[in-house]
Amino acid sequence: MLIARVIGNVVATQKNQRYEGTRAMLCRQITPEGEDMDYTCIALDSVNAGEGDIVIIAQEGWSASTAATGRPGAAIDSAIVGVVDKIELL
């Protein structure tokens, strides 16, 4: 899993039928302190995240596809599985 900020969405007029009804969001990984990192990915949204939200991304294929599409077996490797309200460093 990683922490990221949603920086945009990806619009596809044609999708594989396994992805119908899903949104693809462009996300940039951040540090726990909120600093941008170099890694950017596309993640399917399973929690209705919006641009600017800090999110949790699952990057394990089976979990990501099941969380984002409700159906196992979709070929994705990243899904937004949570919107972060607050990060506390101990």
PDB file of N, CA and C in Angstrom:
ATOM      1  N   MET A   1       0.840  -1.180   0.000  1.00  0.00           N
ATOM      2  CA  MET A   1       0.000   0.000   0.000  1.00  0.00           C
ATOM      3  C   MET A   1       0.879   1.235   0.000  1.00  0.00           C
ATOM      4  N   LEU A   2       0.309   2.313  -0.503  1.00  0.00           N
ATOM      5  CA  LEU A   2       1.014   3.576  -0.465  1.00  0.00           C
ATOM      6  C   LEU A   2       0.029   4.709  -0.241  1.00  0.00           C
ATOM      7  N   ILE A   3       0.562   5.850   0.139  1.00  0.00           N
ATOM      8  CA  ILE A   3      -0.227   7.057   0.333  1.00  0.00           C
ATOM      9  C   ILE A   3       0.018   7.946  -0.872  1.00  0.00           C
ATOM     10  N   ALA A   4      -1.063   8.506  -1.415  1.00  0.00           N
ATOM     11  CA  ALA A   4      -0.930   9.329  -2.614  1.00  0.00           C
ATOM     12  C   ALA A   4      -1.955  10.460  -2.584  1.00  0.00           C
ATOM     13  N   ARG A   5      -1.748  11.407  -3.470  1.00  0.00           N
ATOM     14  CA  ARG A   5      -2.695  12.498  -3.671  1.00  0.00           C
ATOM     15  C   ARG A   5      -3.294  12.338  -5.070  1.00  0.00           C
ATOM     16  N   VAL A   6      -4.598  12.474  -5.167  1.00  0.00           N
ATOM     17  CA  VAL A   6      -5.258  12.405  -6.472  1.00  0.00           C
ATOM     18  C   VAL A   6      -4.976  13.718  -7.197  1.00  0.00           C
ATOM     19  N   ILE A   7      -4.371  13.611  -8.393  1.00  0.00           N
ATOM     20  CA  ILE A   7      -4.000  14.818  -9.139  1.00  0.00           C
ATOM     21  C   ILE A   7      -4.790  14.965 -10.431  1.00  0.00           C
ATOM     22  N   GLY A   8      -5.665  14.019 -10.715  1.00  0.00           N
ATOM     23  CA  GLY A   8      -6.478  14.130 -11.930  1.00  0.00           C
ATOM     24  C   GLY A   8      -7.234  12.846 -12.187  1.00  0.00           C
ATOM     25  N   ASN A   9      -8.009  12.866 -13.235  1.00  0.00           N
ATOM     26  CA  ASN A   9      -8.690  11.639 -13.628  1.00  0.00           C
ATOM     27  C   ASN A   9      -8.341  11.314 -15.069  1.00  0.00           C
ATOM     28  N   VAL A  10      -8.546  10.074 -15.423  1.00  0.00           N
ATOM     29  CA  VAL A  10      -8.241   9.617 -16.770  1.00  0.00           C
ATOM     30  C   VAL A  10      -9.562   9.234 -17.421  1.00  0.00           C
ATOM     31  N   VAL A  11      -9.846   9.838 -18.556  1.00  0.00           N
ATOM     32  CA  VAL A  11     -11.096   9.568 -19.261  1.00  0.00           C
ATOM     33  C   VAL A  11     -10.808   8.619 -20.415  1.00  0.00           C
ATOM     34  N   ALA A  12     -11.527   7.523 -20.435  1.00  0.00           N
ATOM     35  CA  ALA A  12     -11.403   6.555 -21.533  1.00  0.00           C
ATOM     36  C   ALA A  12     -12.801   6.327 -22.111  1.00  0.00           C
ATOM     37  N   THR A  13     -12.976   6.615 -23.368  1.00  0.00           N
ATOM     38  CA  THR A  13     -14.305   6.455 -23.964  1.00  0.00           C
ATOM     39  C   THR A  13     -14.641   4.989 -24.202  1.00  0.00           C
ATOM     40  N   GLN A  14     -13.626   4.164 -24.275  1.00  0.00           N
ATOM     41  CA  GLN A  14     -13.866   2.736 -24.421  1.00  0.00           C
ATOM     42  C   GLN A  14     -13.047   2.010 -23.368  1.00  0.00           C
ATOM     43  N   LYS A  15     -13.708   1.090 -22.663  1.00  0.00           N
ATOM     44  CA  LYS A  15     -13.027   0.324 -21.623  1.00  0.00           C
ATOM     45  C   LYS A  15     -13.354  -1.147 -21.777  1.00  0.00           C
ATOM     46  N   ASN A  16     -12.500  -1.974 -21.241  1.00  0.00           N
ATOM     47  CA  ASN A  16     -12.809  -3.384 -21.097  1.00  0.00           C
ATOM     48  C   ASN A  16     -14.067  -3.475 -20.246  1.00  0.00           C
ATOM     49  N   GLN A  17     -14.944  -4.412 -20.546  1.00  0.00           N
ATOM     50  CA  GLN A  17     -16.218  -4.505 -19.823  1.00  0.00           C
ATOM     51  C   GLN A  17     -16.041  -4.727 -18.332  1.00  0.00           C
ATOM     52  N   ARG A  18     -14.918  -5.264 -17.904  1.00  0.00           N
ATOM     53  CA  ARG A  18     -14.682  -5.461 -16.469  1.00  0.00           C
ATOM     54  C   ARG A  18     -14.524  -4.131 -15.736  1.00  0.00           C
ATOM     55  N   TYR A  19     -14.248  -3.055 -16.467  1.00  0.00           N
ATOM     56  CA  TYR A  19     -14.023  -1.753 -15.841  1.00  0.00           C
ATOM     57  C   TYR A  19     -15.211  -0.809 -15.987  1.00  0.00           C
ATOM     58  N   GLU A  20     -16.313  -1.281 -16.558  1.00  0.00           N
ATOM     59  CA  GLU A  20     -17.483  -0.416 -16.714  1.00  0.00           C
ATOM     60  C   GLU A  20     -17.944   0.064 -15.348  1.00  0.00           C
ATOM     61  N   GLY A  21     -18.262   1.329 -15.256  1.00  0.00           N
ATOM     62  CA  GLY A  21     -18.733   1.908 -14.009  1.00  0.00           C
ATOM     63  C   GLY A  21     -17.629   2.300 -13.044  1.00  0.00           C
ATOM     64  N   THR A  22     -16.382   2.157 -13.444  1.00  0.00           N
ATOM     65  CA  THR A  22     -15.276   2.538 -12.569  1.00  0.00           C
ATOM     66  C   THR A  22     -14.628   3.824 -13.082  1.00  0.00           C
ATOM     67  N   ARG A  23     -13.965   4.515 -12.186  1.00  0.00           N
ATOM     68  CA  ARG A  23     -13.241   5.727 -12.549  1.00  0.00           C
ATOM     69  C   ARG A  23     -11.751   5.469 -12.370  1.00  0.00           C
ATOM     70  N   ALA A  24     -10.976   5.927 -13.321  1.00  0.00           N
ATOM     71  CA  ALA A  24      -9.517   5.811 -13.245  1.00  0.00           C
ATOM     72  C   ALA A  24      -8.962   7.167 -12.830  1.00  0.00           C
ATOM     73  N   MET A  25      -8.206   7.173 -11.742  1.00  0.00           N
ATOM     74  CA  MET A  25      -7.675   8.421 -11.205  1.00  0.00           C
ATOM     75  C   MET A  25      -6.152   8.423 -11.307  1.00  0.00           C
ATOM     76  N   LEU A  26      -5.614   9.591 -11.622  1.00  0.00           N
ATOM     77  CA  LEU A  26      -4.166   9.770 -11.680  1.00  0.00           C
ATOM     78  C   LEU A  26      -3.699  10.205 -10.297  1.00  0.00           C
ATOM     79  N   CYS A  27      -2.751   9.463  -9.715  1.00  0.00           N
ATOM     80  CA  CYS A  27      -2.335   9.695  -8.326  1.00  0.00           C
ATOM     81  C   CYS A  27      -0.822   9.822  -8.237  1.00  0.00           C
ATOM     82  N   ARG A  28      -0.373  10.746  -7.388  1.00  0.00           N
ATOM     83  CA  ARG A  28       1.056  10.913  -7.143  1.00  0.00           C
ATOM     84  C   ARG A  28       1.358  10.503  -5.713  1.00  0.00           C
ATOM     85  N   GLN A  29       2.310   9.600  -5.555  1.00  0.00           N
ATOM     86  CA  GLN A  29       2.705   9.154  -4.219  1.00  0.00           C
ATOM     87  C   GLN A  29       3.260  10.330  -3.418  1.00  0.00           C
ATOM     88  N   ILE A  30       2.939  10.360  -2.122  1.00  0.00           N
ATOM     89  CA  ILE A  30       3.460  11.399  -1.232  1.00  0.00           C
ATOM     90  C   ILE A  30       4.113  10.740  -0.022  1.00  0.00           C
ATOM     91  N   THR A  31       4.931  11.514   0.664  1.00  0.00           N
ATOM     92  CA  THR A  31       5.513  11.045   1.924  1.00  0.00           C
ATOM     93  C   THR A  31       4.459  11.217   3.021  1.00  0.00           C
ATOM     94  N   PRO A  32       4.664  10.617   4.199  1.00  0.00           N
ATOM     95  CA  PRO A  32       3.720  10.836   5.304  1.00  0.00           C
ATOM     96  C   PRO A  32       3.616  12.305   5.712  1.00  0.00           C
ATOM     97  N   GLU A  33       4.640  13.086   5.380  1.00  0.00           N
ATOM     98  CA  GLU A  33       4.609  14.516   5.686  1.00  0.00           C
ATOM     99  C   GLU A  33       3.886  15.315   4.612  1.00  0.00           C
ATOM    100  N   GLY A  34       3.473  14.665   3.528  1.00  0.00           N
ATOM    101  CA  GLY A  34       2.710  15.329   2.467  1.00  0.00           C
ATOM    102  C   GLY A  34       3.526  15.826   1.303  1.00  0.00           C
ATOM    103  N   GLU A  35       4.823  15.502   1.266  1.00  0.00           N
ATOM    104  CA  GLU A  35       5.677  15.938   0.163  1.00  0.00           C
ATOM    105  C   GLU A  35       5.501  15.020  -1.048  1.00  0.00           C
ATOM    106  N   ASP A  36       5.400  15.625  -2.233  1.00  0.00           N
ATOM    107  CA  ASP A  36       5.279  14.839  -3.456  1.00  0.00           C
ATOM    108  C   ASP A  36       6.522  13.992  -3.693  1.00  0.00           C
ATOM    109  N   MET A  37       6.311  12.786  -4.193  1.00  0.00           N
ATOM    110  CA  MET A  37       7.405  11.912  -4.600  1.00  0.00           C
ATOM    111  C   MET A  37       7.343  11.777  -6.111  1.00  0.00           C
ATOM    112  N   ASP A  38       8.294  11.072  -6.708  1.00  0.00           N
ATOM    113  CA  ASP A  38       8.365  10.977  -8.160  1.00  0.00           C
ATOM    114  C   ASP A  38       7.356  10.003  -8.765  1.00  0.00           C
ATOM    115  N   TYR A  39       6.869   9.039  -7.976  1.00  0.00           N
ATOM    116  CA  TYR A  39       6.040   7.972  -8.516  1.00  0.00           C
ATOM    117  C   TYR A  39       4.606   8.445  -8.766  1.00  0.00           C
ATOM    118  N   THR A  40       4.116   8.239  -9.976  1.00  0.00           N
ATOM    119  CA  THR A  40       2.733   8.553 -10.353  1.00  0.00           C
ATOM    120  C   THR A  40       2.125   7.296 -10.951  1.00  0.00           C
ATOM    121  N   CYS A  41       0.852   7.035 -10.605  1.00  0.00           N
ATOM    122  CA  CYS A  41       0.199   5.853 -11.150  1.00  0.00           C
ATOM    123  C   CYS A  41      -1.270   6.145 -11.447  1.00  0.00           C
ATOM    124  N   ILE A  42      -1.871   5.250 -12.192  1.00  0.00           N
ATOM    125  CA  ILE A  42      -3.311   5.285 -12.433  1.00  0.00           C
ATOM    126  C   ILE A  42      -3.913   4.226 -11.531  1.00  0.00           C
ATOM    127  N   ALA A  43      -4.930   4.609 -10.757  1.00  0.00           N
ATOM    128  CA  ALA A  43      -5.597   3.675  -9.853  1.00  0.00           C
ATOM    129  C   ALA A  43      -7.097   3.752 -10.069  1.00  0.00           C
ATOM    130  N   LEU A  44      -7.761   2.597 -10.061  1.00  0.00           N
ATOM    131  CA  LEU A  44      -9.220   2.598 -10.132  1.00  0.00           C
ATOM    132  C   LEU A  44      -9.757   3.010  -8.774  1.00  0.00           C
ATOM    133  N   ASP A  45     -10.790   3.818  -8.793  1.00  0.00           N
ATOM    134  CA  ASP A  45     -11.349   4.388  -7.569  1.00  0.00           C
ATOM    135  C   ASP A  45     -12.494   3.515  -7.065  1.00  0.00           C
ATOM    136  N   SER A  46     -12.377   3.064  -5.804  1.00  0.00           N
ATOM    137  CA  SER A  46     -13.459   2.263  -5.225  1.00  0.00           C
ATOM    138  C   SER A  46     -14.150   2.980  -4.078  1.00  0.00           C
ATOM    139  N   VAL A  47     -13.760   4.240  -3.801  1.00  0.00           N
ATOM    140  CA  VAL A  47     -14.324   4.945  -2.647  1.00  0.00           C
ATOM    141  C   VAL A  47     -14.825   6.343  -2.986  1.00  0.00           C
ATOM    142  N   ASN A  48     -14.945   6.662  -4.255  1.00  0.00           N
ATOM    143  CA  ASN A  48     -15.422   7.975  -4.699  1.00  0.00           C
ATOM    144  C   ASN A  48     -14.505   9.108  -4.247  1.00  0.00           C
ATOM    145  N   ALA A  49     -13.213   8.939  -4.453  1.00  0.00           N
ATOM    146  CA  ALA A  49     -12.230   9.978  -4.125  1.00  0.00           C
ATOM    147  C   ALA A  49     -12.303  11.087  -5.171  1.00  0.00           C
ATOM    148  N   GLY A  50     -11.836  12.255  -4.775  1.00  0.00           N
ATOM    149  CA  GLY A  50     -11.835  13.383  -5.693  1.00  0.00           C
ATOM    150  C   GLY A  50     -10.464  13.998  -5.823  1.00  0.00           C
ATOM    151  N   GLU A  51     -10.327  14.888  -6.793  1.00  0.00           N
ATOM    152  CA  GLU A  51      -9.051  15.546  -7.030  1.00  0.00           C
ATOM    153  C   GLU A  51      -8.619  16.292  -5.768  1.00  0.00           C
ATOM    154  N   GLY A  52      -7.366  16.118  -5.364  1.00  0.00           N
ATOM    155  CA  GLY A  52      -6.814  16.743  -4.167  1.00  0.00           C
ATOM    156  C   GLY A  52      -6.906  15.879  -2.928  1.00  0.00           C
ATOM    157  N   ASP A  53      -7.723  14.833  -2.946  1.00  0.00           N
ATOM    158  CA  ASP A  53      -7.833  13.950  -1.782  1.00  0.00           C
ATOM    159  C   ASP A  53      -6.534  13.172  -1.566  1.00  0.00           C
ATOM    160  N   ILE A  54      -6.212  12.957  -0.297  1.00  0.00           N
ATOM    161  CA  ILE A  54      -5.121  12.054   0.071  1.00  0.00           C
ATOM    162  C   ILE A  54      -5.749  10.671   0.198  1.00  0.00           C
ATOM    163  N   VAL A  55      -5.158   9.692  -0.458  1.00  0.00           N
ATOM    164  CA  VAL A  55      -5.786   8.372  -0.527  1.00  0.00           C
ATOM    165  C   VAL A  55      -4.801   7.254  -0.203  1.00  0.00           C
ATOM    166  N   ILE A  56      -5.377   6.108   0.128  1.00  0.00           N
ATOM    167  CA  ILE A  56      -4.604   4.884   0.309  1.00  0.00           C
ATOM    168  C   ILE A  56      -4.791   4.057  -0.952  1.00  0.00           C
ATOM    169  N   ILE A  57      -3.690   3.584  -1.503  1.00  0.00           N
ATOM    170  CA  ILE A  57      -3.738   2.780  -2.726  1.00  0.00           C
ATOM    171  C   ILE A  57      -3.219   1.379  -2.441  1.00  0.00           C
ATOM    172  N   ALA A  58      -4.009   0.372  -2.804  1.00  0.00           N
ATOM    173  CA  ALA A  58      -3.572  -1.022  -2.745  1.00  0.00           C
ATOM    174  C   ALA A  58      -2.929  -1.356  -4.081  1.00  0.00           C
ATOM    175  N   GLN A  59      -1.755  -1.984  -4.023  1.00  0.00           N
ATOM    176  CA  GLN A  59      -1.063  -2.315  -5.262  1.00  0.00           C
ATOM    177  C   GLN A  59      -0.799  -3.804  -5.387  1.00  0.00           C
ATOM    178  N   GLU A  60      -1.638  -4.581  -4.803  1.00  0.00           N
ATOM    179  CA  GLU A  60      -1.556  -6.038  -4.974  1.00  0.00           C
ATOM    180  C   GLU A  60      -2.688  -6.405  -5.923  1.00  0.00           C
ATOM    181  N   GLY A  61      -2.401  -7.052  -7.010  1.00  0.00           N
ATOM    182  CA  GLY A  61      -3.346  -7.251  -8.097  1.00  0.00           C
ATOM    183  C   GLY A  61      -4.698  -7.807  -7.714  1.00  0.00           C
ATOM    184  N   TRP A  62      -4.741  -8.903  -6.973  1.00  0.00           N
ATOM    185  CA  TRP A  62      -6.026  -9.529  -6.649  1.00  0.00           C
ATOM    186  C   TRP A  62      -6.869  -8.608  -5.768  1.00  0.00           C
ATOM    187  N   SER A  63      -6.268  -8.057  -4.731  1.00  0.00           N
ATOM    188  CA  SER A  63      -6.996  -7.155  -3.836  1.00  0.00           C
ATOM    189  C   SER A  63      -7.441  -5.907  -4.571  1.00  0.00           C
ATOM    190  N   ALA A  64      -6.572  -5.349  -5.394  1.00  0.00           N
ATOM    191  CA  ALA A  64      -6.901  -4.122  -6.105  1.00  0.00           C
ATOM    192  C   ALA A  64      -8.058  -4.344  -7.057  1.00  0.00           C
ATOM    193  N   SER A  65      -8.025  -5.434  -7.808  1.00  0.00           N
ATOM    194  CA  SER A  65      -9.097  -5.651  -8.785  1.00  0.00           C
ATOM    195  C   SER A  65     -10.417  -5.942  -8.107  1.00  0.00           C
ATOM    196  N   THR A  66     -10.405  -6.688  -7.024  1.00  0.00           N
ATOM    197  CA  THR A  66     -11.649  -7.001  -6.317  1.00  0.00           C
ATOM    198  C   THR A  66     -12.213  -5.753  -5.661  1.00  0.00           C
ATOM    199  N   ALA A  67     -11.359  -4.924  -5.057  1.00  0.00           N
ATOM    200  CA  ALA A  67     -11.824  -3.708  -4.395  1.00  0.00           C
ATOM    201  C   ALA A  67     -12.404  -2.720  -5.394  1.00  0.00           C
ATOM    202  N   ALA A  68     -11.777  -2.577  -6.520  1.00  0.00           N
ATOM    203  CA  ALA A  68     -12.183  -1.541  -7.468  1.00  0.00           C
ATOM    204  C   ALA A  68     -13.346  -1.953  -8.354  1.00  0.00           C
ATOM    205  N   THR A  69     -13.449  -3.211  -8.698  1.00  0.00           N
ATOM    206  CA  THR A  69     -14.485  -3.618  -9.644  1.00  0.00           C
ATOM    207  C   THR A  69     -15.549  -4.504  -9.007  1.00  0.00           C
ATOM    208  N   GLY A  70     -15.274  -5.034  -7.834  1.00  0.00           N
ATOM    209  CA  GLY A  70     -16.212  -5.969  -7.212  1.00  0.00           C
ATOM    210  C   GLY A  70     -16.146  -7.347  -7.828  1.00  0.00           C
ATOM    211  N   ARG A  71     -15.276  -7.497  -8.807  1.00  0.00           N
ATOM    212  CA  ARG A  71     -15.130  -8.774  -9.498  1.00  0.00           C
ATOM    213  C   ARG A  71     -13.656  -9.155  -9.530  1.00  0.00           C
ATOM    214  N   PRO A  72     -13.330 -10.320  -9.063  1.00  0.00           N
ATOM    215  CA  PRO A  72     -11.920 -10.721  -9.141  1.00  0.00           C
ATOM    216  C   PRO A  72     -11.498 -10.979 -10.588  1.00  0.00           C
ATOM    217  N   GLY A  73     -10.247 -10.774 -10.851  1.00  0.00           N
ATOM    218  CA  GLY A  73      -9.714 -11.139 -12.146  1.00  0.00           C
ATOM    219  C   GLY A  73      -9.509 -10.000 -13.113  1.00  0.00           C
ATOM    220  N   ALA A  74      -9.999  -8.796 -12.799  1.00  0.00           N
ATOM    221  CA  ALA A  74      -9.733  -7.670 -13.686  1.00  0.00           C
ATOM    222  C   ALA A  74      -8.242  -7.353 -13.626  1.00  0.00           C
ATOM    223  N   ALA A  75      -7.663  -7.055 -14.760  1.00  0.00           N
ATOM    224  CA  ALA A  75      -6.211  -6.859 -14.834  1.00  0.00           C
ATOM    225  C   ALA A  75      -5.825  -5.445 -14.446  1.00  0.00           C
ATOM    226  N   ILE A  76      -5.773  -5.183 -13.151  1.00  0.00           N
ATOM    227  CA  ILE A  76      -5.285  -3.900 -12.660  1.00  0.00           C
ATOM    228  C   ILE A  76      -4.302  -4.172 -11.539  1.00  0.00           C
ATOM    229  N   ASP A  77      -3.462  -3.193 -11.259  1.00  0.00           N
ATOM    230  CA  ASP A  77      -2.524  -3.392 -10.156  1.00  0.00           C
ATOM    231  C   ASP A  77      -2.611  -2.288  -9.115  1.00  0.00           C
ATOM    232  N   SER A  78      -3.508  -1.306  -9.281  1.00  0.00           N
ATOM    233  CA  SER A  78      -3.634  -0.246  -8.292  1.00  0.00           C
ATOM    234  C   SER A  78      -5.099   0.136  -8.129  1.00  0.00           C
ATOM    235  N   ALA A  79      -5.543   0.237  -6.874  1.00  0.00           N
ATOM    236  CA  ALA A  79      -6.905   0.680  -6.578  1.00  0.00           C
ATOM    237  C   ALA A  79      -6.883   1.603  -5.377  1.00  0.00           C
ATOM    238  N   ILE A  80      -7.683   2.654  -5.450  1.00  0.00           N
ATOM    239  CA  ILE A  80      -7.863   3.536  -4.290  1.00  0.00           C
ATOM    240  C   ILE A  80      -8.837   2.836  -3.369  1.00  0.00           C
ATOM    241  N   VAL A  81      -8.391   2.562  -2.137  1.00  0.00           N
ATOM    242  CA  VAL A  81      -9.223   1.811  -1.195  1.00  0.00           C
ATOM    243  C   VAL A  81      -9.586   2.630   0.039  1.00  0.00           C
ATOM    244  N   GLY A  82      -9.115   3.874   0.139  1.00  0.00           N
ATOM    245  CA  GLY A  82      -9.464   4.695   1.286  1.00  0.00           C
ATOM    246  C   GLY A  82      -9.110   6.148   1.056  1.00  0.00           C
ATOM    247  N   VAL A  83      -9.874   7.040   1.682  1.00  0.00           N
ATOM    248  CA  VAL A  83      -9.565   8.472   1.685  1.00  0.00           C
ATOM    249  C   VAL A  83      -9.044   8.797   3.084  1.00  0.00           C
ATOM    250  N   VAL A  84      -7.864   9.410   3.147  1.00  0.00           N
ATOM    251  CA  VAL A  84      -7.203   9.697   4.414  1.00  0.00           C
ATOM    252  C   VAL A  84      -7.734  11.015   4.981  1.00  0.00           C
ATOM    253  N   ASP A  85      -8.184  10.967   6.228  1.00  0.00           N
ATOM    254  CA  ASP A  85      -8.619  12.185   6.912  1.00  0.00           C
ATOM    255  C   ASP A  85      -7.461  12.864   7.616  1.00  0.00           C
ATOM    256  N   LYS A  86      -6.531  12.062   8.163  1.00  0.00           N
ATOM    257  CA  LYS A  86      -5.464  12.646   8.974  1.00  0.00           C
ATOM    258  C   LYS A  86      -4.320  11.647   9.083  1.00  0.00           C
ATOM    259  N   ILE A  87      -3.111  12.148   9.087  1.00  0.00           N
ATOM    260  CA  ILE A  87      -1.933  11.314   9.322  1.00  0.00           C
ATOM    261  C   ILE A  87      -1.242  11.838  10.568  1.00  0.00           C
ATOM    262  N   GLU A  88      -1.024  10.973  11.543  1.00  0.00           N
ATOM    263  CA  GLU A  88      -0.307  11.343  12.754  1.00  0.00           C
ATOM    264  C   GLU A  88       0.994  10.557  12.802  1.00  0.00           C
ATOM    265  N   LEU A  89       2.097  11.247  12.855  1.00  0.00           N
ATOM    266  CA  LEU A  89       3.394  10.595  12.981  1.00  0.00           C
ATOM    267  C   LEU A  89       3.743  10.468  14.446  1.00  0.00           C
ATOM    268  N   LEU A  90       4.161   9.289  14.853  1.00  0.00           N
ATOM    269  CA  LEU A  90       4.497   9.043  16.257  1.00  0.00           C
ATOM    270  C   LEU A  90       5.982   9.168  16.489  1.00  0.00           C
TER     271      LEU A  90
END
